[in-house]
Amino acid sequence: MARSMLTRRSFLQMSGGAIGLAALAACAAPAAAPSGSSGEAAAPAAQPGTLWVLHKQDFHPEYNDYLRSRIEQFAADNNLKLDVAYTAGFSGSGADEQKVAAAVQAGDPPDVWIDNRNPFKLDQLGVLQDVTDLQEEVIGMYGDPAARPRNECLLDDRWVGVVLHVRADGGWARTDVFDPAGIDIQTIRQFDDLRDACLEVSDPDNEMFGWGMTPAENGDGSWFTIRVIQGFGGSFTDETGQYVTIDSPETIDAMNWIVDTYTNEKWAPMLPPGVLAWTDTSNNEAYLGGKLAYTQNGGTVYAKAVADGNPIADVTAYHKPVGGPVVQEFMGLGGMWEALIAGSKNPDMGRALILSFFDEDTMKGMFDSAVSYALPAYEPQWEWENITSNPVSMQMKDAALDPAGWNGLGWPGPSTAQAGAVDESNIDTDIFANVINGGMTVEEAVADAQKKAVEIFKEFGAPGE
């Protein structure tokens, strides 16, 4: 993909200028306890002997705390004054990256960012430095990363992010609910069959709801919507990644199926209360609270159950993501990456911090902090005892190393900045919302999504249509 220049107007539309940048930073002494919030005072401009680090806040405090502790220990070991802050993990929006882009433009950027959002879009905005030498050093230690994170971080033969690990992705099912009903969840490979099974095991009078998925405007809602569309044979882009293809009969069929699922009284008994207003944490909380028989995209839900000693962990089975009548199997686990921000005031220490995570003990500790959520992106690490000893982790090995490397909204094309921007614009979940709340027909809502996606593609220099 050729890198295109954005106009000043389009940059400002995406970044919102420098307003709100202060919310990114939280000052901390080198070995201080985690602040747990990104809403404190802004970090000062970095100077030699300081380091400003951002990292994603996930639905798993133990994992968040482990990353934070390693960052703080590195700062303490190197006598650095540390500014460290969380970036949003659940919002499904691009607000944080817009603020970082504004910080780069203002000449006062962070040094390192650990996250899993689309790095191609960040590269288009001029946010990322080339880290090819760092990734090659890690490859020398552990071999090539898996296909999907490789596809997401390798741009025009240069790495814009160093792949840290992959993240669990798929379905999570209560075996103590499905097994007594005579349902083998592992044999189910289509959303249609999954819907039938979830209805069968639902018992709303006893607060057991089979269907723990939402089409709402958030990351989980987007994941679900995209999976259904692609399973029915639709897609947002063509194989080149340059053209928008969402307005198709296949997408219309998929969206009619989604609308039916959440509006037809037949399916009401399996839907938990308030499911259309769920946030990205709601399905995790409901599942861990014993209210759901099944949820998807809850990559942290099992790890959190293990960490908390929640007995639900003992009856939870991993389920490979299902598809539809056209595409049933498309897998690849997305990755967490580490990036060096353009204009970093302390790039040497930033680079050293990135590499410090690849010490074997540090990597093993990271996997232990988030059992079956943080998983190896490098094949040799799948032989480590703390991975092989967990059957749930090993169930995801094939998905993690899948050579096809399914890449979400950009499929069947490559990961691109324009696909990342469409993904973060909520256009996919807006299709459903426009039907339910906006008075559009499904056909009108899909056509509206096509128009909006084309506009975004053109902003990023792709023809779009």
Protein backbone atom coordinates (compact mmCIF):
# COMPACT_ATOMS: atom_id res chain seq x y z
CA MET A 1 0.00 0.00 0.00
CA ALA A 2 1.40 3.36 -0.97
CA ARG A 3 1.49 5.94 1.74
CA SER A 4 -0.70 8.95 0.96
CA MET A 5 -0.57 12.44 2.38
CA LEU A 6 -3.58 13.67 4.32
CA THR A 7 -4.78 17.20 3.94
CA ARG A 8 -4.52 19.49 6.95
CA ARG A 9 -8.30 19.66 7.02
CA SER A 10 -8.73 15.89 7.12
CA PHE A 11 -6.03 15.56 9.79
CA LEU A 12 -7.75 18.09 12.01
CA GLN A 13 -11.08 16.37 11.47
CA MET A 14 -9.55 13.13 12.75
CA SER A 15 -7.34 14.52 15.49
CA GLY A 16 -9.49 17.29 16.92
CA GLY A 17 -6.31 19.34 17.26
CA ALA A 18 -4.33 19.22 20.49
CA ILE A 19 -7.42 19.66 22.69
CA GLY A 20 -7.74 16.83 25.19
CA LEU A 21 -4.12 15.74 24.95
CA ALA A 22 -3.67 16.27 28.68
CA ALA A 23 -5.91 13.29 29.35
CA LEU A 24 -3.26 10.92 28.01
CA ALA A 25 -0.58 11.33 30.64
CA ALA A 26 -0.29 10.46 34.31
CA CYS A 27 3.01 11.26 36.00
CA ALA A 28 4.58 8.60 38.16
CA ALA A 29 7.82 8.14 40.03
CA PRO A 30 10.01 5.36 38.62
CA ALA A 31 8.74 2.65 40.94
CA ALA A 32 5.36 4.06 41.96
CA ALA A 33 2.15 2.04 42.04
CA PRO A 34 0.01 2.10 38.90
CA SER A 35 -2.18 5.18 38.57
CA GLY A 36 -4.98 3.17 36.99
CA SER A 37 -6.26 6.17 35.08
CA SER A 38 -5.41 8.23 32.05
CA GLY A 39 -7.32 11.28 33.17
CA GLU A 40 -4.71 13.02 35.34
CA ALA A 41 -2.32 15.89 34.63
CA ALA A 42 -0.43 16.06 31.35
CA ALA A 43 3.14 14.86 31.14
CA PRO A 44 5.78 17.53 30.66
CA ALA A 45 7.84 17.56 27.50
CA ALA A 46 10.21 14.60 27.70
CA GLN A 47 13.87 15.28 28.49
CA PRO A 48 16.90 12.98 28.72
CA GLY A 49 16.32 10.75 31.74
CA THR A 50 12.54 10.61 31.28
CA LEU A 51 10.24 8.19 29.51
CA TRP A 52 6.58 8.61 28.52
CA VAL A 53 4.72 5.32 27.90
CA LEU A 54 1.13 4.54 26.93
CA HIS A 55 -0.42 1.10 27.18
CA LYS A 56 -3.86 -0.31 26.60
CA GLN A 57 -6.17 -0.96 29.53
CA ASP A 58 -7.79 -4.36 29.04
CA PHE A 59 -10.60 -6.10 30.90
CA HIS A 60 -8.09 -7.92 33.03
CA PRO A 61 -6.50 -6.00 35.92
CA GLU A 62 -3.81 -8.61 36.55
CA TYR A 63 -2.58 -8.34 32.97
CA ASN A 64 -2.72 -4.55 33.07
CA ASP A 65 -0.82 -4.53 36.34
CA TYR A 66 1.83 -6.88 34.97
CA LEU A 67 2.56 -4.63 31.99
CA ARG A 68 2.59 -1.59 34.24
CA SER A 69 4.95 -3.26 36.72
CA ARG A 70 7.42 -4.21 33.97
CA ILE A 71 7.39 -0.66 32.61
CA GLU A 72 7.96 0.78 36.08
CA GLN A 73 10.73 -1.71 36.86
CA PHE A 74 12.50 -0.80 33.63
CA ALA A 75 12.29 2.89 34.52
CA ALA A 76 13.62 2.24 38.01
CA ASP A 77 16.49 0.09 36.72
CA ASN A 78 17.50 2.84 34.30
CA ASN A 79 16.98 5.78 36.68
CA LEU A 80 14.27 7.27 34.49
CA LYS A 81 11.49 9.60 35.49
CA LEU A 82 8.42 7.81 34.18
CA ASP A 83 5.17 9.16 32.81
CA VAL A 84 2.82 6.24 32.17
CA ALA A 85 -0.84 6.20 31.21
CA TYR A 86 -3.56 3.86 30.09
CA THR A 87 -5.28 4.27 26.75
CA ALA A 88 -8.87 3.14 26.42
CA GLY A 89 -9.36 -0.56 25.93
CA PHE A 90 -13.09 -0.80 25.36
CA SER A 91 -14.37 2.31 23.60
CA GLY A 92 -14.20 1.11 20.01
CA SER A 93 -13.23 4.64 18.96
CA GLY A 94 -10.09 6.32 17.71
CA ALA A 95 -9.98 9.14 20.27
CA ASP A 96 -6.64 8.13 21.79
CA GLU A 97 -4.84 7.82 18.48
CA GLN A 98 -6.20 11.19 17.42
CA LYS A 99 -4.73 12.73 20.56
CA VAL A 100 -1.38 11.05 20.00
CA ALA A 101 -1.37 12.28 16.40
CA ALA A 102 -2.00 15.79 17.70
CA ALA A 103 0.85 15.37 20.21
CA VAL A 104 3.24 14.37 17.43
CA GLN A 105 2.18 17.41 15.42
CA ALA A 106 2.71 19.61 18.49
CA GLY A 107 6.23 18.25 19.01
CA ASP A 108 5.52 16.71 22.43
CA PRO A 109 4.74 13.01 21.82
CA PRO A 110 4.92 9.96 24.06
CA ASP A 111 7.87 7.61 23.54
CA VAL A 112 6.32 4.12 23.46
CA TRP A 113 2.80 2.83 22.88
CA ILE A 114 1.67 -0.74 23.64
CA ASP A 115 -1.71 -1.48 22.06
CA ASN A 116 -3.57 -3.54 19.46
CA ARG A 117 -5.27 -0.93 17.28
CA ASN A 118 -4.61 -0.58 13.55
CA PRO A 119 -0.97 0.55 13.18
CA PHE A 120 -1.35 1.28 9.45
CA LYS A 121 -3.70 4.16 10.18
CA LEU A 122 -1.26 5.49 12.77
CA ASP A 123 1.51 5.25 10.21
CA GLN A 124 -0.59 7.25 7.74
CA LEU A 125 -0.94 9.93 10.39
CA GLY A 126 2.84 10.05 10.84
CA VAL A 127 2.66 8.68 14.39
CA LEU A 128 5.00 5.67 14.16
CA GLN A 129 8.72 5.19 13.67
CA ASP A 130 10.20 2.36 11.65
CA VAL A 131 11.09 -0.47 14.07
CA THR A 132 12.29 -3.02 11.52
CA ASP A 133 15.61 -3.52 13.30
CA LEU A 134 13.83 -4.22 16.60
CA GLN A 135 11.41 -6.73 15.07
CA GLU A 136 14.27 -8.46 13.28
CA GLU A 137 16.12 -8.78 16.57
CA VAL A 138 13.05 -10.45 18.09
CA ILE A 139 12.74 -12.70 15.02
CA GLY A 140 16.34 -13.75 15.66
CA MET A 141 15.24 -14.85 19.14
CA TYR A 142 11.90 -16.54 18.42
CA GLY A 143 11.38 -16.77 14.65
CA ASP A 144 8.73 -15.06 12.54
CA PRO A 145 5.54 -13.87 14.20
CA ALA A 146 2.21 -15.45 13.25
CA ALA A 147 0.49 -14.44 10.02
CA ARG A 148 -2.17 -12.08 11.31
CA PRO A 149 0.01 -9.88 13.56
CA ARG A 150 2.68 -9.96 10.85
CA ASN A 151 0.14 -8.70 8.32
CA GLU A 152 -0.99 -6.01 10.72
CA CYS A 153 2.48 -4.65 11.55
CA LEU A 154 4.49 -5.11 8.33
CA LEU A 155 3.93 -2.29 5.84
CA ASP A 156 5.79 -2.00 2.53
CA ASP A 157 8.61 -4.23 3.86
CA ARG A 158 9.07 -2.19 7.03
CA TRP A 159 7.77 -2.97 10.48
CA VAL A 160 5.76 -0.21 12.18
CA GLY A 161 5.10 -2.26 15.32
CA VAL A 162 6.96 -5.00 17.19
CA VAL A 163 4.63 -7.97 17.73
CA LEU A 164 4.39 -8.75 21.45
CA HIS A 165 1.77 -11.52 21.66
CA VAL A 166 -1.59 -12.57 20.24
CA ARG A 167 -4.88 -12.20 22.07
CA ALA A 168 -7.47 -14.93 22.59
CA ASP A 169 -10.48 -14.58 20.33
CA GLY A 170 -13.52 -16.77 19.95
CA GLY A 171 -16.47 -18.22 21.78
CA TRP A 172 -16.76 -19.23 25.43
CA ALA A 173 -19.40 -21.76 26.41
CA ARG A 174 -20.73 -23.16 29.68
CA THR A 175 -20.35 -26.92 29.34
CA ASP A 176 -22.55 -27.44 32.43
CA VAL A 177 -25.38 -25.78 30.49
CA PHE A 178 -24.89 -27.18 26.97
CA ASP A 179 -23.85 -30.75 27.86
CA PRO A 180 -27.01 -31.61 29.86
CA ALA A 181 -29.04 -30.45 26.84
CA GLY A 182 -27.16 -32.91 24.65
CA ILE A 183 -25.47 -30.14 22.65
CA ASP A 184 -21.84 -30.55 21.60
CA ILE A 185 -20.87 -26.91 21.11
CA GLN A 186 -17.70 -27.87 19.24
CA THR A 187 -19.69 -29.30 16.33
CA ILE A 188 -21.47 -26.00 15.70
CA ARG A 189 -19.84 -24.01 12.89
CA GLN A 190 -22.55 -21.55 11.78
CA PHE A 191 -24.32 -18.66 13.50
CA ASP A 192 -27.69 -20.14 12.53
CA ASP A 193 -27.02 -23.36 14.44
CA LEU A 194 -25.47 -21.44 17.32
CA ARG A 195 -28.59 -19.31 17.63
CA ASP A 196 -30.78 -22.41 17.81
CA ALA A 197 -28.56 -23.96 20.48
CA CYS A 198 -28.46 -20.80 22.59
CA LEU A 199 -32.25 -20.55 22.51
CA GLU A 200 -32.60 -24.17 23.55
CA VAL A 201 -30.48 -23.78 26.70
CA SER A 202 -31.97 -20.43 27.76
CA ASP A 203 -34.00 -20.25 30.95
CA PRO A 204 -34.92 -16.59 31.50
CA ASP A 205 -37.00 -17.36 34.61
CA ASN A 206 -33.77 -18.48 36.26
CA GLU A 207 -31.64 -15.75 34.68
CA MET A 208 -29.80 -18.01 32.26
CA PHE A 209 -29.54 -16.43 28.82
CA GLY A 210 -27.99 -18.31 25.96
CA TRP A 211 -26.98 -15.47 23.64
CA GLY A 212 -24.31 -13.24 25.19
CA MET A 213 -23.50 -11.10 22.13
CA THR A 214 -24.48 -7.58 21.15
CA PRO A 215 -24.64 -5.60 17.88
CA ALA A 216 -24.16 -2.36 19.82
CA GLU A 217 -21.63 0.35 18.96
CA ASN A 218 -18.48 -1.04 20.59
CA GLY A 219 -15.62 -3.37 19.80
CA ASP A 220 -17.55 -6.56 20.59
CA GLY A 221 -20.56 -5.38 18.60
CA SER A 222 -18.34 -4.61 15.64
CA TRP A 223 -16.60 -8.00 15.84
CA PHE A 224 -19.96 -9.79 15.86
CA THR A 225 -21.40 -7.72 13.00
CA ILE A 226 -18.34 -8.18 10.79
CA ARG A 227 -18.25 -11.93 11.44
CA VAL A 228 -21.88 -12.35 10.43
CA ILE A 229 -21.49 -10.21 7.30
CA GLN A 230 -18.40 -12.12 6.18
CA GLY A 231 -19.96 -15.46 7.09
CA PHE A 232 -22.84 -14.67 4.75
CA GLY A 233 -20.38 -13.82 1.97
CA GLY A 234 -20.30 -10.03 2.31
CA SER A 235 -17.25 -7.87 2.93
CA PHE A 236 -16.30 -4.24 3.39
CA THR A 237 -13.44 -4.39 0.87
CA ASP A 238 -12.29 -6.33 -2.15
CA GLU A 239 -9.12 -8.44 -2.22
CA THR A 240 -6.96 -5.42 -3.06
CA GLY A 241 -8.16 -3.44 -0.04
CA GLN A 242 -8.70 -0.41 -2.28
CA TYR A 243 -12.43 -0.63 -3.01
CA VAL A 244 -15.52 -0.69 -0.79
CA THR A 245 -17.85 -3.64 -1.45
CA ILE A 246 -20.23 -3.61 1.51
CA ASP A 247 -23.37 -2.80 -0.51
CA SER A 248 -24.16 -6.31 -1.71
CA PRO A 249 -27.01 -8.84 -1.54
CA GLU A 250 -24.88 -10.94 0.81
CA THR A 251 -24.50 -8.08 3.30
CA ILE A 252 -28.22 -7.37 3.12
CA ASP A 253 -28.95 -11.04 3.92
CA ALA A 254 -26.55 -10.90 6.87
CA MET A 255 -28.04 -7.72 8.29
CA ASN A 256 -31.58 -9.06 7.91
CA TRP A 257 -30.41 -12.05 9.95
CA ILE A 258 -29.00 -9.79 12.68
CA VAL A 259 -32.14 -7.65 12.79
CA ASP A 260 -34.26 -10.79 13.06
CA THR A 261 -32.13 -12.08 15.94
CA TYR A 262 -32.72 -9.00 18.08
CA THR A 263 -36.31 -8.12 17.11
CA ASN A 264 -38.15 -11.38 16.46
CA GLU A 265 -40.03 -12.53 19.56
CA LYS A 266 -38.95 -16.09 18.83
CA TRP A 267 -35.43 -15.26 20.02
CA ALA A 268 -36.38 -13.01 22.96
CA PRO A 269 -35.95 -15.72 25.67
CA MET A 270 -32.23 -16.08 24.88
CA LEU A 271 -31.43 -12.34 24.97
CA PRO A 272 -30.18 -10.89 28.29
CA PRO A 273 -31.82 -7.66 29.49
CA GLY A 274 -30.32 -4.52 27.99
CA VAL A 275 -28.20 -6.41 25.43
CA LEU A 276 -28.67 -3.66 22.83
CA ALA A 277 -27.06 -1.14 25.19
CA TRP A 278 -24.10 -3.30 26.22
CA THR A 279 -20.59 -1.91 26.35
CA ASP A 280 -17.48 -3.98 25.68
CA THR A 281 -17.29 -5.14 29.29
CA SER A 282 -20.94 -6.14 29.65
CA ASN A 283 -20.66 -9.61 28.13
CA ASN A 284 -17.62 -10.40 30.29
CA GLU A 285 -19.39 -9.25 33.43
CA ALA A 286 -22.60 -11.12 32.63
CA TYR A 287 -20.74 -14.34 31.81
CA LEU A 288 -18.58 -14.19 34.92
CA GLY A 289 -21.71 -13.46 36.94
CA GLY A 290 -23.29 -16.72 35.79
CA LYS A 291 -25.97 -15.15 33.61
CA LEU A 292 -24.80 -16.34 30.18
CA ALA A 293 -24.40 -19.74 28.58
CA TYR A 294 -22.37 -18.37 25.67
CA THR A 295 -20.41 -15.28 24.68
CA GLN A 296 -17.97 -14.37 21.92
CA ASN A 297 -14.95 -12.08 21.65
CA GLY A 298 -14.55 -12.39 25.40
CA GLY A 299 -10.80 -12.98 25.14
CA THR A 300 -10.25 -11.99 28.75
CA VAL A 301 -13.30 -13.70 30.24
CA TYR A 302 -11.64 -17.07 30.87
CA ALA A 303 -8.38 -15.50 32.06
CA LYS A 304 -10.28 -13.32 34.53
CA ALA A 305 -12.19 -16.35 35.82
CA VAL A 306 -8.93 -18.20 36.38
CA ALA A 307 -7.31 -15.22 38.12
CA ASP A 308 -10.31 -14.73 40.43
CA GLY A 309 -10.78 -18.42 41.22
CA ASN A 310 -14.25 -18.17 39.71
CA PRO A 311 -15.67 -21.72 39.43
CA ILE A 312 -17.05 -20.81 36.01
CA ALA A 313 -13.49 -21.32 34.71
CA ASP A 314 -13.81 -25.06 35.37
CA VAL A 315 -16.90 -25.38 33.17
CA THR A 316 -15.86 -23.02 30.39
CA ALA A 317 -14.92 -24.38 26.98
CA TYR A 318 -13.25 -22.47 24.17
CA HIS A 319 -15.18 -22.47 20.88
CA LYS A 320 -13.61 -21.47 17.58
CA PRO A 321 -15.52 -18.53 16.07
CA VAL A 322 -18.38 -19.62 13.85
CA GLY A 323 -19.30 -18.30 10.41
CA GLY A 324 -22.20 -18.41 8.02
CA PRO A 325 -23.53 -20.29 5.02
CA VAL A 326 -20.77 -18.99 2.72
CA VAL A 327 -17.69 -18.82 4.95
CA GLN A 328 -17.54 -20.98 8.07
CA GLU A 329 -13.84 -21.07 8.86
CA PHE A 330 -11.68 -17.95 8.87
CA MET A 331 -9.23 -17.65 11.70
CA GLY A 332 -6.28 -15.69 12.97
CA LEU A 333 -5.70 -14.10 16.36
CA GLY A 334 -4.95 -10.40 16.46
CA GLY A 335 -1.81 -9.22 18.16
CA MET A 336 -0.63 -6.76 20.77
CA TRP A 337 2.27 -4.67 19.50
CA GLU A 338 4.81 -2.17 20.79
CA ALA A 339 5.48 1.01 18.84
CA LEU A 340 8.07 3.77 19.02
CA ILE A 341 6.34 7.11 18.51
CA ALA A 342 7.60 9.60 15.94
CA GLY A 343 9.51 12.48 17.53
CA SER A 344 10.24 10.50 20.70
CA LYS A 345 12.45 12.53 23.05
CA ASN A 346 14.13 9.40 24.39
CA PRO A 347 14.17 6.88 21.52
CA ASP A 348 17.13 4.89 22.88
CA MET A 349 15.35 4.10 26.13
CA GLY A 350 12.10 3.54 24.24
CA ARG A 351 13.77 0.94 22.06
CA ALA A 352 15.37 -0.69 25.09
CA LEU A 353 11.99 -0.87 26.85
CA ILE A 354 10.42 -2.57 23.84
CA LEU A 355 13.13 -5.23 23.71
CA SER A 356 13.04 -5.77 27.47
CA PHE A 357 9.66 -7.48 27.17
CA PHE A 358 11.17 -10.31 25.13
CA ASP A 359 13.28 -11.69 27.96
CA GLU A 360 12.00 -15.26 28.41
CA ASP A 361 11.08 -14.83 32.07
CA THR A 362 9.24 -11.60 31.30
CA MET A 363 7.30 -13.24 28.47
CA LYS A 364 6.36 -16.22 30.63
CA GLY A 365 5.24 -13.89 33.39
CA MET A 366 3.06 -12.01 30.93
CA PHE A 367 1.40 -15.25 29.77
CA ASP A 368 0.86 -16.28 33.40
CA SER A 369 -0.75 -12.95 34.22
CA ALA A 370 -3.46 -13.59 31.62
CA VAL A 371 -3.93 -17.34 31.25
CA SER A 372 -5.30 -18.26 27.81
CA TYR A 373 -5.74 -14.60 26.92
CA ALA A 374 -2.18 -13.43 26.23
CA LEU A 375 -0.85 -16.16 23.95
CA PRO A 376 2.36 -16.67 21.94
CA ALA A 377 2.72 -14.93 18.59
CA TYR A 378 5.93 -16.90 18.00
CA GLU A 379 5.74 -20.66 17.40
CA PRO A 380 8.61 -21.78 19.69
CA GLN A 381 6.87 -20.21 22.68
CA TRP A 382 3.99 -22.66 22.22
CA GLU A 383 6.35 -25.31 23.58
CA TRP A 384 6.77 -23.54 26.92
CA GLU A 385 5.39 -25.50 29.84
CA ASN A 386 3.13 -22.74 31.11
CA ILE A 387 1.38 -22.80 27.71
CA THR A 388 1.29 -26.56 27.04
CA SER A 389 -0.01 -27.27 30.53
CA ASN A 390 -3.28 -25.43 29.86
CA PRO A 391 -5.71 -27.27 27.54
CA VAL A 392 -7.68 -24.11 26.81
CA SER A 393 -4.55 -22.31 25.65
CA MET A 394 -3.57 -25.19 23.42
CA GLN A 395 -7.02 -25.20 21.79
CA MET A 396 -6.12 -21.80 20.33
CA LYS A 397 -2.73 -22.76 18.88
CA ASP A 398 -4.06 -23.52 15.41
CA ALA A 399 -5.99 -20.25 15.35
CA ALA A 400 -2.98 -18.26 16.52
CA LEU A 401 -0.68 -19.77 13.89
CA ASP A 402 -3.25 -19.92 11.07
CA PRO A 403 -1.35 -18.99 7.89
CA ALA A 404 -4.39 -17.24 6.39
CA GLY A 405 -4.29 -14.62 9.15
CA TRP A 406 -7.92 -13.43 9.10
CA ASN A 407 -7.75 -9.68 9.75
CA GLY A 408 -11.23 -8.51 10.64
CA LEU A 409 -12.96 -5.79 8.65
CA GLY A 410 -10.17 -5.65 6.03
CA TRP A 411 -10.72 -9.29 4.99
CA PRO A 412 -10.37 -10.58 2.26
CA GLY A 413 -7.95 -7.75 1.48
CA PRO A 414 -4.81 -6.75 3.40
CA SER A 415 -4.81 -4.64 6.54
CA THR A 416 -4.83 -1.00 5.47
CA ALA A 417 -5.16 2.42 7.04
CA GLN A 418 -8.49 2.98 5.33
CA ALA A 419 -9.90 -0.32 6.62
CA GLY A 420 -8.71 0.60 10.11
CA ALA A 421 -10.39 3.99 9.87
CA VAL A 422 -13.67 2.43 8.72
CA ASP A 423 -13.43 -0.10 11.54
CA GLU A 424 -13.07 2.68 14.12
CA SER A 425 -15.87 4.80 12.63
CA ASN A 426 -18.62 2.41 13.80
CA ILE A 427 -20.04 2.23 10.27
CA ASP A 428 -20.56 -1.52 10.66
CA THR A 429 -22.64 -1.30 13.86
CA ASP A 430 -24.40 1.80 12.53
CA ILE A 431 -26.09 -0.38 9.91
CA PHE A 432 -28.08 -2.12 12.64
CA ALA A 433 -28.64 1.09 14.60
CA ASN A 434 -29.96 2.89 11.52
CA VAL A 435 -32.52 0.15 11.00
CA ILE A 436 -33.65 -0.06 14.63
CA ASN A 437 -33.45 3.61 15.59
CA GLY A 438 -33.12 5.53 12.34
CA GLY A 439 -36.11 4.30 10.41
CA MET A 440 -34.03 2.97 7.51
CA THR A 441 -34.65 -0.27 5.72
CA VAL A 442 -31.77 -2.74 5.75
CA GLU A 443 -31.11 -1.91 2.10
CA GLU A 444 -30.95 1.81 2.86
CA ALA A 445 -28.67 1.30 5.87
CA VAL A 446 -26.26 -0.84 3.86
CA ALA A 447 -26.18 1.74 1.06
CA ASP A 448 -25.48 4.44 3.66
CA ALA A 449 -22.56 2.37 5.00
CA GLN A 450 -21.16 2.03 1.50
CA LYS A 451 -21.27 5.79 0.93
CA LYS A 452 -19.59 6.60 4.25
CA ALA A 453 -16.90 3.97 3.81
CA VAL A 454 -16.07 5.23 0.32
CA GLU A 455 -15.60 8.75 1.72
CA ILE A 456 -13.14 7.43 4.31
CA PHE A 457 -11.23 5.39 1.73
CA LYS A 458 -10.79 8.50 -0.38
CA GLU A 459 -9.50 10.44 2.63
CA PHE A 460 -6.73 7.87 2.85
CA GLY A 461 -5.85 8.00 -0.83
CA ALA A 462 -7.68 4.81 -1.90
CA PRO A 463 -10.16 5.01 -4.80
CA GLY A 464 -12.97 3.50 -2.77
CA GLU A 465 -15.24 2.98 -5.78
